[in-house]
N, C-alpha and C. Protein backbone atom coordinates (compact mmCIF):
# COMPACT_ATOMS: atom_id res chain seq x y z
N GLN A 1 -22.01 27.00 -8.39
CA GLN A 1 -21.15 25.90 -7.29
C GLN A 1 -19.89 25.58 -7.24
N MET A 2 -20.18 26.15 -5.64
CA MET A 2 -18.14 26.53 -5.44
C MET A 2 -17.72 24.84 -5.18
N LYS A 3 -16.16 25.11 -5.49
CA LYS A 3 -16.28 23.93 -5.56
C LYS A 3 -15.20 23.68 -3.74
N LYS A 4 -16.18 22.50 -3.55
CA LYS A 4 -15.88 22.17 -2.17
C LYS A 4 -14.05 21.58 -1.54
N GLN A 5 -13.36 21.27 -2.54
CA GLN A 5 -13.16 20.20 -2.06
C GLN A 5 -11.46 20.50 -3.42
N CYS A 6 -10.22 21.20 -1.72
CA CYS A 6 -9.55 21.22 -2.83
C CYS A 6 -8.78 20.50 -2.68
N ASP A 7 -7.87 19.48 -3.42
CA ASP A 7 -7.36 18.58 -3.47
C ASP A 7 -5.44 18.85 -3.49
N GLN A 8 -4.46 18.35 -2.32
CA GLN A 8 -3.48 19.17 -2.20
C GLN A 8 -1.89 18.10 -3.54
N LYS A 9 -1.81 18.59 -3.73
CA LYS A 9 -0.57 17.68 -4.17
C LYS A 9 0.43 17.54 -4.20
N LEU A 10 0.83 16.63 -3.53
CA LEU A 10 2.44 16.11 -2.07
C LEU A 10 3.45 15.96 -3.32
N LEU A 11 4.63 15.69 -3.21
CA LEU A 11 5.67 14.57 -3.78
C LEU A 11 6.70 14.60 -2.55
N ILE A 12 5.69 13.02 -3.40
CA ILE A 12 7.11 11.79 -2.59
C ILE A 12 8.84 12.16 -2.86
N ARG A 13 9.60 11.94 -2.08
CA ARG A 13 10.57 12.60 -2.84
C ARG A 13 11.39 10.53 -2.20
N MET A 14 11.87 9.62 -3.13
CA MET A 14 12.78 8.69 -1.78
C MET A 14 14.29 8.51 -2.94
N LYS A 15 14.91 8.29 -1.49
CA LYS A 15 16.52 7.44 -2.56
C LYS A 15 16.24 6.12 -2.99
N THR A 16 17.26 5.63 -4.02
CA THR A 16 17.36 3.90 -3.92
C THR A 16 18.81 3.71 -3.35
N GLU A 17 18.96 2.47 -3.03
CA GLU A 17 19.92 1.95 -2.16
C GLU A 17 21.01 2.74 -2.99
N CYS A 18 21.86 2.33 -2.30
CA CYS A 18 23.43 2.64 -2.54
C CYS A 18 24.40 1.45 -2.74
N VAL A 19 24.40 1.94 -4.17
CA VAL A 19 25.17 0.24 -5.06
C VAL A 19 26.73 0.97 -5.03
N PRO A 20 27.54 0.60 -5.83
CA PRO A 20 28.62 0.03 -6.79
C PRO A 20 28.03 0.70 -8.15
N CYS A 21 28.32 2.11 -8.38
CA CYS A 21 28.42 3.45 -9.69
C CYS A 21 27.60 2.57 -10.44
N SER A 22 28.99 1.51 -11.22
CA SER A 22 28.30 1.03 -12.83
C SER A 22 27.84 0.05 -12.88
N LEU A 23 26.55 -0.58 -11.17
CA LEU A 23 25.60 -0.71 -11.13
C LEU A 23 24.34 -0.53 -11.20
N ASN A 24 24.77 1.11 -10.91
CA ASN A 24 23.37 2.47 -10.82
C ASN A 24 22.63 2.07 -11.86
N LEU A 25 23.86 2.11 -12.94
CA LEU A 25 23.12 2.19 -14.13
C LEU A 25 21.48 1.83 -14.76
N GLU A 26 21.92 -0.41 -14.21
CA GLU A 26 20.60 -0.43 -14.29
C GLU A 26 19.43 -0.46 -12.95
N THR A 27 19.17 0.77 -11.56
CA THR A 27 18.13 1.05 -10.74
C THR A 27 17.12 1.21 -11.46
N GLN A 28 16.00 0.68 -11.17
CA GLN A 28 15.16 0.84 -10.94
C GLN A 28 14.45 1.69 -10.14
N CYS A 29 13.57 2.69 -9.72
CA CYS A 29 12.56 3.78 -8.59
C CYS A 29 11.16 2.05 -8.23
N PRO A 30 10.99 2.31 -6.92
CA PRO A 30 9.85 1.47 -6.94
C PRO A 30 9.12 2.08 -7.64
N ALA A 31 7.71 0.58 -7.85
CA ALA A 31 6.59 0.86 -8.87
C ALA A 31 5.97 2.10 -8.09
N GLY A 32 5.96 3.08 -9.11
CA GLY A 32 5.13 4.73 -8.71
C GLY A 32 5.68 5.16 -8.98
N TYR A 33 6.80 5.26 -9.24
CA TYR A 33 8.31 5.91 -8.49
C TYR A 33 8.32 7.17 -10.28
N THR A 34 9.07 8.05 -10.39
CA THR A 34 9.74 8.31 -11.40
C THR A 34 11.36 9.01 -10.69
N LYS A 35 12.41 8.27 -11.62
CA LYS A 35 14.01 8.79 -11.92
C LYS A 35 13.73 10.11 -12.22
N ILE A 36 14.12 11.02 -11.30
CA ILE A 36 14.68 12.39 -10.98
C ILE A 36 15.88 12.31 -11.85
N THR A 37 16.81 11.53 -12.08
CA THR A 37 18.66 11.43 -12.07
C THR A 37 18.79 10.50 -13.16
N ASN A 38 20.07 10.88 -13.72
CA ASN A 38 20.57 9.80 -14.44
C ASN A 38 21.44 9.78 -15.10
N GLY A 39 21.67 8.50 -15.49
CA GLY A 39 22.48 7.21 -15.77
C GLY A 39 23.61 6.98 -14.66
N THR A 40 24.36 7.33 -14.23
CA THR A 40 25.15 6.31 -12.75
C THR A 40 24.34 6.56 -11.54
N GLY A 41 23.30 8.23 -12.03
CA GLY A 41 22.80 8.61 -10.53
C GLY A 41 23.81 9.43 -10.34
N ILE A 42 23.78 9.61 -9.09
CA ILE A 42 24.29 10.12 -7.83
C ILE A 42 25.52 10.43 -6.77
N PRO A 43 26.55 10.26 -6.53
CA PRO A 43 27.44 9.67 -6.32
C PRO A 43 27.30 10.11 -4.67
N ASP A 44 26.70 9.95 -4.56
CA ASP A 44 25.97 11.17 -2.97
C ASP A 44 26.37 9.62 -0.83
N CYS A 45 26.93 9.33 -1.47
CA CYS A 45 26.61 8.24 -0.59
C CYS A 45 27.79 6.56 -0.97
N ARG A 46 28.10 5.77 0.44
CA ARG A 46 29.12 4.70 0.85
C ARG A 46 28.09 3.57 1.36
N TYR A 47 28.57 2.29 0.02
CA TYR A 47 27.87 0.82 0.99
C TYR A 47 29.17 -0.02 0.65
N TYR A 48 28.11 -0.65 1.55
CA TYR A 48 28.80 -1.70 2.79
C TYR A 48 29.35 -2.54 2.06
N LEU A 49 31.00 -3.39 1.93
CA LEU A 49 31.30 -4.60 1.58
C LEU A 49 31.76 -5.21 2.91
N GLU A 50 31.87 -6.29 3.31
CA GLU A 50 31.98 -7.50 4.10
C GLU A 50 33.15 -8.18 4.39
N ILE A 51 34.13 -8.58 3.89
CA ILE A 51 35.31 -8.54 4.41
C ILE A 51 36.25 -9.55 5.07
N LYS A 52 35.44 -11.13 5.90
CA LYS A 52 36.23 -11.84 6.31
C LYS A 52 35.40 -10.96 7.53
N THR A 53 36.52 -10.85 8.19
CA THR A 53 35.94 -10.25 9.86
C THR A 53 35.88 -8.22 9.32
N HIS A 54 36.32 -7.76 8.36
CA HIS A 54 35.42 -6.36 7.94
C HIS A 54 34.85 -5.64 7.52
N THR A 55 34.96 -3.96 7.72
CA THR A 55 33.75 -4.64 6.92
C THR A 55 34.20 -3.15 5.94
N LEU A 56 33.85 -3.10 4.62
CA LEU A 56 34.91 -2.30 3.73
C LEU A 56 33.69 -1.65 3.32
N SER A 57 33.86 0.26 3.47
CA SER A 57 32.76 1.13 2.55
C SER A 57 33.13 2.10 1.85
N PHE A 58 32.72 1.56 0.35
CA PHE A 58 32.99 2.59 -0.92
C PHE A 58 32.15 3.72 -1.47
N PRO A 59 33.07 4.49 -2.01
CA PRO A 59 31.95 5.62 -2.27
C PRO A 59 30.74 5.41 -3.56
N GLY A 60 30.11 5.03 -3.51
CA GLY A 60 28.68 4.82 -3.91
C GLY A 60 27.49 5.63 -4.87
N CYS A 61 27.10 5.40 -5.28
CA CYS A 61 25.48 6.29 -6.00
C CYS A 61 24.13 5.64 -5.86
N ARG A 62 24.04 6.28 -6.21
CA ARG A 62 22.37 6.27 -5.73
C ARG A 62 21.18 7.20 -6.51
N HIS A 63 19.98 6.98 -7.24
CA HIS A 63 18.65 6.50 -8.22
C HIS A 63 18.44 8.07 -7.55
N HIS A 64 17.12 9.50 -7.29
CA HIS A 64 16.60 10.19 -6.43
C HIS A 64 15.11 9.68 -7.76
N CYS A 65 13.99 9.78 -6.72
CA CYS A 65 13.11 9.49 -7.89
C CYS A 65 11.93 9.92 -6.79
N VAL A 66 10.93 10.22 -7.19
CA VAL A 66 9.79 11.24 -7.21
C VAL A 66 8.16 10.32 -7.69
N LYS A 67 7.52 11.08 -6.67
CA LYS A 67 5.92 10.41 -6.25
C LYS A 67 5.11 11.28 -6.77
N GLU A 68 4.41 11.55 -7.46
CA GLU A 68 3.16 12.94 -7.31
C GLU A 68 2.14 12.04 -6.70
N PHE A 69 1.53 12.92 -5.72
CA PHE A 69 0.50 11.99 -4.40
C PHE A 69 -0.79 13.18 -4.25
N GLU A 70 -1.79 12.68 -4.58
CA GLU A 70 -3.56 14.31 -4.26
C GLU A 70 -3.55 13.65 -2.66
N GLN A 71 -3.64 14.56 -2.52
CA GLN A 71 -4.09 14.60 -0.70
C GLN A 71 -5.24 15.59 -0.69
N PRO A 72 -6.30 14.28 -0.14
CA PRO A 72 -7.66 14.61 -0.85
C PRO A 72 -8.23 15.81 0.51
N GLU A 73 -8.64 17.43 0.23
CA GLU A 73 -9.17 18.25 1.04
C GLU A 73 -10.13 18.69 0.80
N CYS A 74 -10.35 20.00 1.79
CA CYS A 74 -11.39 20.75 1.99
C CYS A 74 -11.64 21.94 1.74
N CYS A 75 -12.25 22.91 0.43
CA CYS A 75 -11.23 24.21 0.63
C CYS A 75 -11.59 25.22 2.19
N GLN A 76 -10.68 26.04 1.83
CA GLN A 76 -10.36 26.88 2.63
C GLN A 76 -12.35 27.33 3.58
N GLY A 77 -12.62 27.31 4.30
CA GLY A 77 -14.67 26.94 5.13
C GLY A 77 -14.66 26.29 4.95
N ARG A 78 -15.17 24.68 4.57
CA ARG A 78 -15.23 23.30 4.23
C ARG A 78 -14.88 22.54 5.40
N TRP A 79 -15.37 21.81 5.69
CA TRP A 79 -14.78 20.35 6.19
C TRP A 79 -15.71 19.58 6.29
N GLY A 80 -15.58 18.41 6.76
CA GLY A 80 -16.45 17.60 6.86
C GLY A 80 -15.86 15.93 5.82
N PRO A 81 -16.42 14.94 5.82
CA PRO A 81 -16.25 13.71 4.94
C PRO A 81 -17.05 14.31 3.47
N ASP A 82 -17.58 15.80 3.97
CA ASP A 82 -18.28 15.58 2.30
C ASP A 82 -18.18 17.48 2.45
N CYS A 83 -17.26 17.90 2.89
CA CYS A 83 -16.66 19.13 2.66
C CYS A 83 -17.61 20.35 2.54
N MET A 84 -19.03 20.05 3.34
CA MET A 84 -19.81 21.11 2.88
C MET A 84 -19.78 22.40 4.02
N GLY A 85 -19.55 21.95 5.15
CA GLY A 85 -18.89 23.36 6.44
C GLY A 85 -20.40 23.54 6.56
N LYS A 86 -20.74 24.59 7.20
CA LYS A 86 -21.83 25.40 7.98
C LYS A 86 -22.70 25.11 6.13
């Protein structure tokens, strides 16, 4: 019995919102995502504060998150909803 289904593993990456680094320790990834950065995260972004008529930007931190996702796919040479082929 040949395998008919060859699922593809997809890695979906995302970054959390940019916040002051000191606050970023508490930041969680969305449900289903795994945090792959530690502590205060990565200081690679800027966040904005509106003060009266001005918007100020400050260096901030964010976390990187990943989610593994299985995409059902037929093996080579097979197709259709039941991966039968010819």
